[in-house]
Amino acid sequence: MRWPTFFNALKIRKAWRMPALAITSGVVGGLGTVLALWAWQGQPQRLTQEDIDKAVTKTLEKITLPSQATRAAQIVAPSVVQVLGQQSDRISARDPEQFKTNGVGTGVVIVETGLILTNLHVVQGAQSIKIIFHDGHESPAKIVSVQPEHDLAVLQASSLPDDLKAATLRSTNDLLPGDMVVAVGFPFGIGPSVSAGVVSGLKREFQSTERGTASAANAKPLRNLIQFDAAANPGNSGGPLVTAEGEVVGIVTGILNPSGARVWAGIGFAVPIENAASGVGMSPF
């Protein structure tokens, strides 16, 4: 019996990350049916590879696999945080828990010790910074380094949730126009939200005219950007752009809308992860 061929039929892409037990149980159940029928017939009939392949195929056809975007979002979600830049910790003594938000954006954990990548324009000028983790844990954070030329800031959270997970970073060297990508973040503070699209182009140049952004303040365009068409809006800034495998290839940094409106028009830009990782002195690969 050609067992290697059988096991090849059972291989599922690692990046799908769906419950292996469910698939295995289904396949084993299908094979069990075939074996039981064979034994019941009481005939010295040999169980062929074709019988096994048919049972495996029939079982897999009944299993609904998650979409690429679903898998990617599930993988990176535990590492995505909301970043709130605050002008003041308190507005009034009557409501001590209230604060005035200067910037609302997204970040991604890249080291389990609480190092977070985000956009500089999200936290620039803030008197204090608050991080809200995937599990709801909240923590103050401080800026540990910045890259104005890439509109990036590295934050360190003061306290961490249990079992904090860092995102997996991936080189953009093999990234091509047409590759599927997913953006995860907090557009207009709503989220975490997921949008999917493709890489539209590479090595793009973009200069924001929006007041307060790092690129506008420095009057220099951002270069070597990834252009993508997954929907992004204010609040997505600083969030991860990930592949179908859930690996971070860029940090969402800007959107282009010729009308001047601060809403999605189909063109977004992300800083390649190579530039972002260099901000913390680490190689992503």
Protein backbone atom coordinates (compact mmCIF):
# COMPACT_ATOMS: atom_id res chain seq x y z
CA MET A 1 0.00 0.00 0.00
CA ARG A 2 1.45 3.33 -1.01
CA TRP A 3 1.11 5.17 2.30
CA PRO A 4 3.36 8.11 1.24
CA THR A 5 0.83 8.96 -1.46
CA PHE A 6 -1.96 8.84 1.12
CA PHE A 7 -0.16 11.19 3.48
CA ASN A 8 0.57 13.60 0.64
CA ALA A 9 -3.17 13.81 0.06
CA LEU A 10 -3.63 14.82 3.68
CA LYS A 11 -1.19 17.71 3.58
CA ILE A 12 -2.81 21.07 4.30
CA ARG A 13 -0.88 24.33 3.97
CA LYS A 14 0.61 25.26 7.32
CA ALA A 15 -0.47 28.91 6.92
CA TRP A 16 -4.17 27.91 6.96
CA ARG A 17 -3.85 27.33 10.70
CA MET A 18 -7.29 25.68 10.85
CA PRO A 19 -7.86 23.12 13.63
CA ALA A 20 -5.85 20.10 12.55
CA LEU A 21 -7.86 17.84 14.84
CA ALA A 22 -11.11 18.61 12.99
CA ILE A 23 -9.61 17.77 9.59
CA THR A 24 -7.86 14.65 10.88
CA SER A 25 -11.02 13.43 12.59
CA GLY A 26 -13.00 13.90 9.40
CA VAL A 27 -10.47 12.05 7.27
CA VAL A 28 -10.09 9.24 9.80
CA GLY A 29 -13.87 8.97 9.94
CA GLY A 30 -14.04 8.67 6.16
CA LEU A 31 -11.37 5.98 6.14
CA GLY A 32 -13.13 4.19 8.98
CA THR A 33 -16.27 3.96 6.90
CA VAL A 34 -14.38 2.44 3.99
CA LEU A 35 -12.58 -0.06 6.25
CA ALA A 36 -15.81 -1.02 8.03
CA LEU A 37 -17.59 -1.63 4.74
CA TRP A 38 -14.69 -3.69 3.50
CA ALA A 39 -14.67 -5.83 6.64
CA TRP A 40 -18.48 -6.24 6.60
CA GLN A 41 -18.44 -7.61 3.09
CA GLY A 42 -16.27 -10.42 4.42
CA GLN A 43 -14.45 -10.80 1.15
CA PRO A 44 -10.69 -11.00 0.67
CA GLN A 45 -10.90 -7.83 -1.36
CA ARG A 46 -7.83 -5.63 -1.21
CA LEU A 47 -8.29 -2.01 -0.14
CA THR A 48 -6.76 -0.04 -3.00
CA GLN A 49 -5.11 3.36 -3.04
CA GLU A 50 -8.00 4.57 -5.19
CA ASP A 51 -10.45 3.62 -2.41
CA ILE A 52 -8.42 5.58 0.12
CA ASP A 53 -8.05 8.63 -2.15
CA LYS A 54 -11.78 8.73 -2.82
CA ALA A 55 -12.57 8.59 0.90
CA VAL A 56 -10.11 11.39 1.68
CA THR A 57 -11.37 13.56 -1.19
CA LYS A 58 -15.01 13.07 -0.24
CA THR A 59 -14.32 14.05 3.37
CA LEU A 60 -12.29 17.14 2.46
CA GLU A 61 -15.01 18.30 0.07
CA LYS A 62 -17.40 18.53 3.02
CA ILE A 63 -15.07 20.72 5.10
CA THR A 64 -15.44 24.47 4.63
CA LEU A 65 -11.99 26.02 4.80
CA PRO A 66 -11.55 29.63 6.00
CA SER A 67 -10.66 32.25 3.40
CA GLN A 68 -7.12 33.54 3.02
CA ALA A 69 -8.11 36.86 4.57
CA THR A 70 -9.70 35.10 7.54
CA ARG A 71 -6.61 33.02 8.19
CA ALA A 72 -4.28 36.01 7.87
CA ALA A 73 -6.36 38.13 10.23
CA GLN A 74 -6.63 35.37 12.83
CA ILE A 75 -2.88 34.86 12.84
CA VAL A 76 -1.89 38.52 13.27
CA ALA A 77 -4.82 39.67 15.45
CA PRO A 78 -3.24 38.86 18.86
CA SER A 79 -0.33 41.18 17.97
CA VAL A 80 -2.42 44.18 16.84
CA VAL A 81 -3.03 47.00 19.33
CA GLN A 82 -4.90 50.29 19.38
CA VAL A 83 -2.71 53.34 19.98
CA LEU A 84 -4.17 56.46 21.60
CA GLY A 85 -2.11 59.64 21.78
CA GLN A 86 -3.48 61.84 24.56
CA GLN A 87 -3.17 65.59 24.96
CA SER A 88 -3.94 65.29 28.67
CA ASP A 89 -4.65 62.50 31.10
CA ARG A 90 -7.70 64.26 32.49
CA ILE A 91 -10.09 66.86 31.12
CA SER A 92 -11.77 67.79 34.40
CA ALA A 93 -12.07 66.73 37.99
CA ARG A 94 -15.71 65.83 37.36
CA ASP A 95 -14.73 63.05 35.00
CA PRO A 96 -11.22 61.87 35.93
CA GLU A 97 -11.38 58.88 33.60
CA GLN A 98 -11.94 61.01 30.52
CA PHE A 99 -9.09 62.13 28.30
CA LYS A 100 -8.72 64.16 25.14
CA THR A 101 -7.35 62.14 22.26
CA ASN A 102 -4.72 63.71 20.05
CA GLY A 103 -4.21 60.77 17.72
CA VAL A 104 -5.95 57.46 17.19
CA GLY A 105 -4.13 54.75 15.34
CA THR A 106 -2.94 51.19 15.29
CA GLY A 107 0.24 49.41 16.23
CA VAL A 108 1.72 45.94 16.00
CA VAL A 109 3.76 44.10 18.62
CA ILE A 110 7.09 43.00 17.17
CA VAL A 111 8.85 41.84 20.36
CA GLU A 112 7.22 39.94 23.25
CA THR A 113 8.72 42.42 25.72
CA GLY A 114 6.18 45.00 24.54
CA LEU A 115 7.94 46.77 21.68
CA ILE A 116 5.34 48.15 19.29
CA LEU A 117 5.63 49.68 15.83
CA THR A 118 3.28 52.49 14.81
CA ASN A 119 3.28 55.70 12.76
CA LEU A 120 5.06 58.74 14.13
CA HIS A 121 2.16 60.98 13.18
CA VAL A 122 -0.14 58.99 15.47
CA VAL A 123 1.84 59.83 18.61
CA GLN A 124 3.67 63.00 17.61
CA GLY A 125 2.97 65.82 20.06
CA ALA A 126 1.06 63.61 22.48
CA GLN A 127 1.59 64.24 26.20
CA SER A 128 0.90 60.63 26.97
CA ILE A 129 0.25 57.42 25.05
CA LYS A 130 -2.10 54.57 25.87
CA ILE A 131 -2.05 51.09 24.36
CA ILE A 132 -5.06 48.79 24.27
CA PHE A 133 -4.03 45.20 23.60
CA HIS A 134 -5.99 42.49 21.82
CA ASP A 135 -7.33 41.05 25.09
CA GLY A 136 -8.44 44.47 26.36
CA HIS A 137 -5.46 45.07 28.64
CA GLU A 138 -4.53 48.77 28.78
CA SER A 139 -1.09 50.20 29.40
CA PRO A 140 0.76 53.51 29.23
CA ALA A 141 3.57 53.56 26.68
CA LYS A 142 6.54 55.72 25.83
CA ILE A 143 8.38 56.45 22.60
CA VAL A 144 11.79 54.78 22.53
CA SER A 145 12.86 55.70 19.00
CA VAL A 146 11.56 57.43 15.87
CA GLN A 147 12.26 57.42 12.14
CA PRO A 148 10.80 60.64 10.73
CA GLU A 149 12.01 59.74 7.25
CA HIS A 150 9.71 56.69 7.36
CA ASP A 151 6.96 58.17 9.60
CA LEU A 152 7.64 55.46 12.16
CA ALA A 153 7.80 55.31 15.94
CA VAL A 154 8.76 52.47 18.26
CA LEU A 155 6.83 52.32 21.53
CA GLN A 156 7.44 50.42 24.76
CA ALA A 157 4.40 49.44 26.80
CA SER A 158 4.75 49.72 30.57
CA SER A 159 2.66 46.66 31.41
CA LEU A 160 1.86 43.61 29.33
CA PRO A 161 -0.98 41.13 29.08
CA ASP A 162 -0.36 37.45 29.72
CA ASP A 163 0.96 35.44 26.77
CA LEU A 164 1.65 38.47 24.59
CA LYS A 165 2.37 37.34 21.05
CA ALA A 166 4.69 39.14 18.66
CA ALA A 167 3.86 39.23 14.95
CA THR A 168 6.00 37.37 12.45
CA LEU A 169 7.88 39.69 10.09
CA ARG A 170 8.58 38.76 6.49
CA SER A 171 10.90 40.13 3.83
CA THR A 172 9.38 42.07 0.95
CA ASN A 173 12.02 40.75 -1.46
CA ASP A 174 9.61 38.26 -3.02
CA LEU A 175 6.54 40.51 -2.81
CA LEU A 176 4.91 41.08 -6.20
CA PRO A 177 2.06 43.20 -7.56
CA GLY A 178 -1.07 41.10 -7.33
CA ASP A 179 -0.11 39.34 -4.10
CA MET A 180 -2.98 39.25 -1.62
CA VAL A 181 -2.55 41.42 1.48
CA VAL A 182 -4.69 42.19 4.52
CA ALA A 183 -4.77 45.37 6.62
CA VAL A 184 -5.81 45.08 10.27
CA GLY A 185 -6.46 48.19 12.33
CA PHE A 186 -8.86 50.67 13.88
CA PRO A 187 -10.30 52.90 11.11
CA PHE A 188 -12.03 55.86 12.77
CA GLY A 189 -11.41 54.05 16.05
CA ILE A 190 -13.60 51.11 15.04
CA GLY A 191 -12.11 47.70 15.37
CA PRO A 192 -10.11 45.74 15.15
CA SER A 193 -11.27 45.83 11.55
CA VAL A 194 -10.04 43.73 8.64
CA SER A 195 -9.84 44.64 4.96
CA ALA A 196 -8.30 42.67 2.12
CA GLY A 197 -6.85 43.51 -1.28
CA VAL A 198 -3.69 43.11 -3.30
CA VAL A 199 -0.32 44.72 -3.68
CA SER A 200 -0.84 47.37 -6.36
CA GLY A 201 2.78 48.41 -6.79
CA LEU A 202 6.19 48.63 -5.17
CA LYS A 203 8.80 51.32 -4.57
CA ARG A 204 6.18 54.10 -4.62
CA GLU A 205 6.68 57.65 -3.39
CA PHE A 206 4.10 59.56 -1.37
CA GLN A 207 3.94 62.93 0.38
CA SER A 208 1.06 63.71 2.68
CA THR A 209 -0.33 67.23 2.69
CA GLU A 210 -2.28 66.57 5.86
CA ARG A 211 -1.35 68.86 8.71
CA GLY A 212 0.39 67.15 11.56
CA THR A 213 1.74 64.15 9.73
CA ALA A 214 5.42 63.46 9.84
CA SER A 215 5.83 63.66 6.08
CA ALA A 216 4.11 67.04 5.89
CA ALA A 217 6.07 68.41 8.83
CA ASN A 218 9.37 67.46 7.26
CA ALA A 219 8.33 68.49 3.73
CA LYS A 220 9.88 65.30 2.42
CA PRO A 221 8.12 62.49 0.61
CA LEU A 222 8.14 58.95 1.90
CA ARG A 223 9.92 56.61 -0.49
CA ASN A 224 10.15 52.91 -1.29
CA LEU A 225 6.55 52.33 -0.23
CA ILE A 226 4.22 49.41 -0.88
CA GLN A 227 1.07 50.51 -2.69
CA PHE A 228 -2.02 48.43 -1.87
CA ASP A 229 -5.78 48.53 -2.39
CA ALA A 230 -7.08 47.00 0.86
CA ALA A 231 -9.37 49.62 2.38
CA ALA A 232 -7.66 51.89 4.93
CA ASN A 233 -8.87 55.04 6.66
CA PRO A 234 -7.65 57.35 9.42
CA GLY A 235 -7.06 55.08 12.40
CA ASN A 236 -5.47 52.36 10.27
CA SER A 237 -2.20 54.28 10.46
CA GLY A 238 0.54 52.25 12.09
CA GLY A 239 -1.25 48.95 11.59
CA PRO A 240 0.22 45.89 9.92
CA LEU A 241 -0.07 44.99 6.26
CA VAL A 242 0.18 41.21 6.17
CA THR A 243 0.42 38.41 3.64
CA ALA A 244 -1.98 35.51 3.26
CA GLU A 245 0.21 33.68 5.80
CA GLY A 246 -0.35 36.42 8.39
CA GLU A 247 3.22 37.70 8.18
CA VAL A 248 3.86 41.44 8.38
CA VAL A 249 5.41 42.97 5.27
CA GLY A 250 4.58 46.62 5.93
CA ILE A 251 3.23 49.29 8.26
CA VAL A 252 0.23 51.21 6.89
CA THR A 253 1.19 54.89 6.75
CA GLY A 254 -0.97 56.88 4.36
CA ILE A 255 -3.84 57.04 1.90
CA LEU A 256 -4.19 59.04 -1.28
CA ASN A 257 -7.41 60.77 -2.20
CA PRO A 258 -7.14 63.42 -4.97
CA SER A 259 -10.33 65.05 -3.71
CA GLY A 260 -8.62 65.97 -0.46
CA ALA A 261 -11.10 64.02 1.63
CA ARG A 262 -9.63 61.94 4.44
CA VAL A 263 -11.41 58.79 3.32
CA TRP A 264 -10.47 55.73 1.29
CA ALA A 265 -10.20 56.16 -2.47
CA GLY A 266 -8.48 52.90 -3.35
CA ILE A 267 -4.81 53.82 -2.92
CA GLY A 268 -2.94 53.15 0.30
CA PHE A 269 0.74 53.07 1.18
CA ALA A 270 2.77 51.05 3.65
CA VAL A 271 6.38 51.30 4.79
CA PRO A 272 8.26 48.04 4.02
CA ILE A 273 8.99 46.03 7.14
CA GLU A 274 12.73 46.16 6.46
CA ASN A 275 12.67 49.91 7.16
CA ALA A 276 10.46 49.46 10.19
CA ALA A 277 12.50 46.68 11.78
CA SER A 278 15.71 48.68 11.46
CA GLY A 279 14.18 51.17 13.90
CA VAL A 280 14.65 48.68 16.73
CA GLY A 281 17.96 47.39 15.47
CA MET A 282 16.62 44.04 14.37
CA SER A 283 16.45 42.09 11.17
CA PRO A 284 12.97 40.77 10.31
CA PHE A 285 14.32 37.61 8.77
